[in-house]
C-alpha atoms as a PDB file:
ATOM      1  CA  MET A   1      96.660 116.884 165.971  1.00  0.00           C
ATOM      2  CA  GLU A   2      95.250 119.762 168.528  1.00  0.00           C
ATOM      3  CA  ASP A   3      94.312 122.179 164.908  1.00  0.00           C
ATOM      4  CA  PHE A   4      91.951 119.355 163.437  1.00  0.00           C
ATOM      5  CA  ASP A   5      90.499 118.263 167.269  1.00  0.00           C
ATOM      6  CA  GLY A   6      86.398 117.986 166.807  1.00  0.00           C
ATOM      7  CA  LEU A   7      86.489 118.268 163.073  1.00  0.00           C
ATOM      8  CA  SER A   8      84.792 115.655 161.301  1.00  0.00           C
ATOM      9  CA  ASP A   9      86.862 112.976 159.057  1.00  0.00           C
ATOM     10  CA  HIS A  10      84.677 113.946 156.324  1.00  0.00           C
ATOM     11  CA  PHE A  11      85.365 117.938 157.027  1.00  0.00           C
ATOM     12  CA  ILE A  12      89.387 117.213 156.896  1.00  0.00           C
ATOM     13  CA  LEU A  13      89.102 115.230 153.944  1.00  0.00           C
ATOM     14  CA  ARG A  14      86.980 118.236 152.025  1.00  0.00           C
ATOM     15  CA  MET A  15      89.185 121.017 153.433  1.00  0.00           C
ATOM     16  CA  TYR A  16      92.423 119.369 151.678  1.00  0.00           C
ATOM     17  CA  GLU A  17      90.100 118.096 148.637  1.00  0.00           C
ATOM     18  CA  PHE A  18      89.490 121.971 148.388  1.00  0.00           C
ATOM     19  CA  ILE A  19      93.354 122.587 148.129  1.00  0.00           C
ATOM     20  CA  ARG A  20      93.478 120.409 145.505  1.00  0.00           C
ATOM     21  CA  HIS A  21      91.092 121.885 143.244  1.00  0.00           C
ATOM     22  CA  GLU A  22      92.630 125.136 143.711  1.00  0.00           C
ATOM     23  CA  VAL A  23      96.337 124.000 143.208  1.00  0.00           C
ATOM     24  CA  HIS A  24      94.929 121.951 140.208  1.00  0.00           C
ATOM     25  CA  VAL A  25      92.735 125.650 139.476  1.00  0.00           C
ATOM     26  CA  ASP A  26      96.441 128.049 139.542  1.00  0.00           C
ATOM     27  CA  ALA A  27      98.357 125.351 137.621  1.00  0.00           C
ATOM     28  CA  SER A  28      95.608 125.357 134.699  1.00  0.00           C
ATOM     29  CA  ALA A  29      95.251 128.779 134.835  1.00  0.00           C
ATOM     30  CA  GLY A  30      99.213 129.947 135.018  1.00  0.00           C
ATOM     31  CA  THR A  31      98.760 131.724 138.376  1.00  0.00           C
ATOM     32  CA  ARG A  32     100.005 131.361 141.319  1.00  0.00           C
ATOM     33  CA  LEU A  33      97.672 132.171 144.419  1.00  0.00           C
ATOM     34  CA  ILE A  34      98.042 128.824 146.932  1.00  0.00           C
ATOM     35  CA  GLY A  35     101.401 129.806 148.141  1.00  0.00           C
ATOM     36  CA  LEU A  36     103.612 128.025 151.609  1.00  0.00           C
ATOM     37  CA  ALA A  37     101.339 128.681 153.901  1.00  0.00           C
ATOM     38  CA  THR A  38      98.678 126.783 152.133  1.00  0.00           C
ATOM     39  CA  ARG A  39     100.964 123.755 151.424  1.00  0.00           C
ATOM     40  CA  GLN A  40     101.992 123.758 154.703  1.00  0.00           C
ATOM     41  CA  ARG A  41      98.703 124.131 155.566  1.00  0.00           C
ATOM     42  CA  ALA A  42      98.067 120.629 153.337  1.00  0.00           C
ATOM     43  CA  ASP A  43     100.770 118.807 154.977  1.00  0.00           C
ATOM     44  CA  ARG A  44      99.536 119.334 158.133  1.00  0.00           C
ATOM     45  CA  LEU A  45      95.918 117.898 156.996  1.00  0.00           C
ATOM     46  CA  LEU A  46      97.572 114.672 155.250  1.00  0.00           C
ATOM     47  CA  LYS A  47      99.113 114.054 158.170  1.00  0.00           C
ATOM     48  CA  GLU A  48      96.607 113.965 160.705  1.00  0.00           C
ATOM     49  CA  ILE A  49      93.944 112.066 157.700  1.00  0.00           C
ATOM     50  CA  ASP A  50      97.075 109.797 157.638  1.00  0.00           C
ATOM     51  CA  SER A  51      97.014 109.791 161.735  1.00  0.00           C
ATOM     52  CA  ARG A  52      93.118 109.119 161.743  1.00  0.00           C
ATOM     53  CA  GLY A  53      93.701 106.251 159.437  1.00  0.00           C
ATOM     54  CA  LEU A  54      92.455 107.329 156.918  1.00  0.00           C
ATOM     55  CA  PHE A  55      93.931 107.351 152.753  1.00  0.00           C
ATOM     56  CA  GLN A  56      93.730 110.482 150.387  1.00  0.00           C
ATOM     57  CA  LYS A  57      96.242 110.759 147.806  1.00  0.00           C
ATOM     58  CA  PRO A  58      98.818 113.050 148.437  1.00  0.00           C
ATOM     59  CA  ILE A  59      98.454 116.693 146.337  1.00  0.00           C
ATOM     60  CA  ASP A  60     100.762 117.293 143.282  1.00  0.00           C
ATOM     61  CA  TRP A  61     101.908 120.084 143.922  1.00  0.00           C
ATOM     62  CA  PRO A  62     103.341 122.040 140.383  1.00  0.00           C
ATOM     63  CA  ASP A  63     106.919 123.177 140.226  1.00  0.00           C
ATOM     64  CA  ASP A  64     107.254 126.211 141.651  1.00  0.00           C
ATOM     65  CA  PRO A  65     111.153 127.505 142.941  1.00  0.00           C
ATOM     66  CA  ALA A  66     109.180 130.855 144.547  1.00  0.00           C
ATOM     67  CA  MET A  67     106.866 128.375 146.188  1.00  0.00           C
ATOM     68  CA  GLU A  68     109.615 127.415 148.454  1.00  0.00           C
ATOM     69  CA  SER A  69     110.520 131.103 149.948  1.00  0.00           C
ATOM     70  CA  ASP A  70     106.894 131.969 149.529  1.00  0.00           C
ATOM     71  CA  ARG A  71     108.302 135.050 147.696  1.00  0.00           C
ATOM     72  CA  CYS A  72     105.725 137.067 145.754  1.00  0.00           C
ATOM     73  CA  ASP A  73     106.933 140.180 143.677  1.00  0.00           C
ATOM     74  CA  ALA A  74     103.126 141.007 142.454  1.00  0.00           C
ATOM     75  CA  PRO A  75     102.404 143.911 143.103  1.00  0.00           C
ATOM     76  CA  ALA A  76      99.877 143.976 146.861  1.00  0.00           C
ATOM     77  CA  PHE A  77      96.032 144.410 144.889  1.00  0.00           C
ATOM     78  CA  GLY A  78      94.769 147.714 145.928  1.00  0.00           C
ATOM     79  CA  LEU A  79      97.552 149.981 146.413  1.00  0.00           C
ATOM     80  CA  LEU A  80      98.642 152.629 144.175  1.00  0.00           C
ATOM     81  CA  LYS A  81     101.583 153.798 143.642  1.00  0.00           C
ATOM     82  CA  THR A  82     101.506 157.983 144.873  1.00  0.00           C
ATOM     83  CA  THR A  83     104.461 160.755 144.200  1.00  0.00           C
END
């Protein structure tokens, strides 16, 4: 995949493991900071890992219907409502 040209196998695996760690932290804390874009990035990384003949266990994503649409109802940080 052209997104990952020039990156070492080790770096690709570390990026995937970083996402796995963040998903675990979110699930443990009961938050959802990891969204659809991150899941799509992880999917592309896993395809690249497979294409390189490497092995990595797929991420166990928590069941979260909001993840499908990447909708977040939380207010944006740093924005204050003024009247």
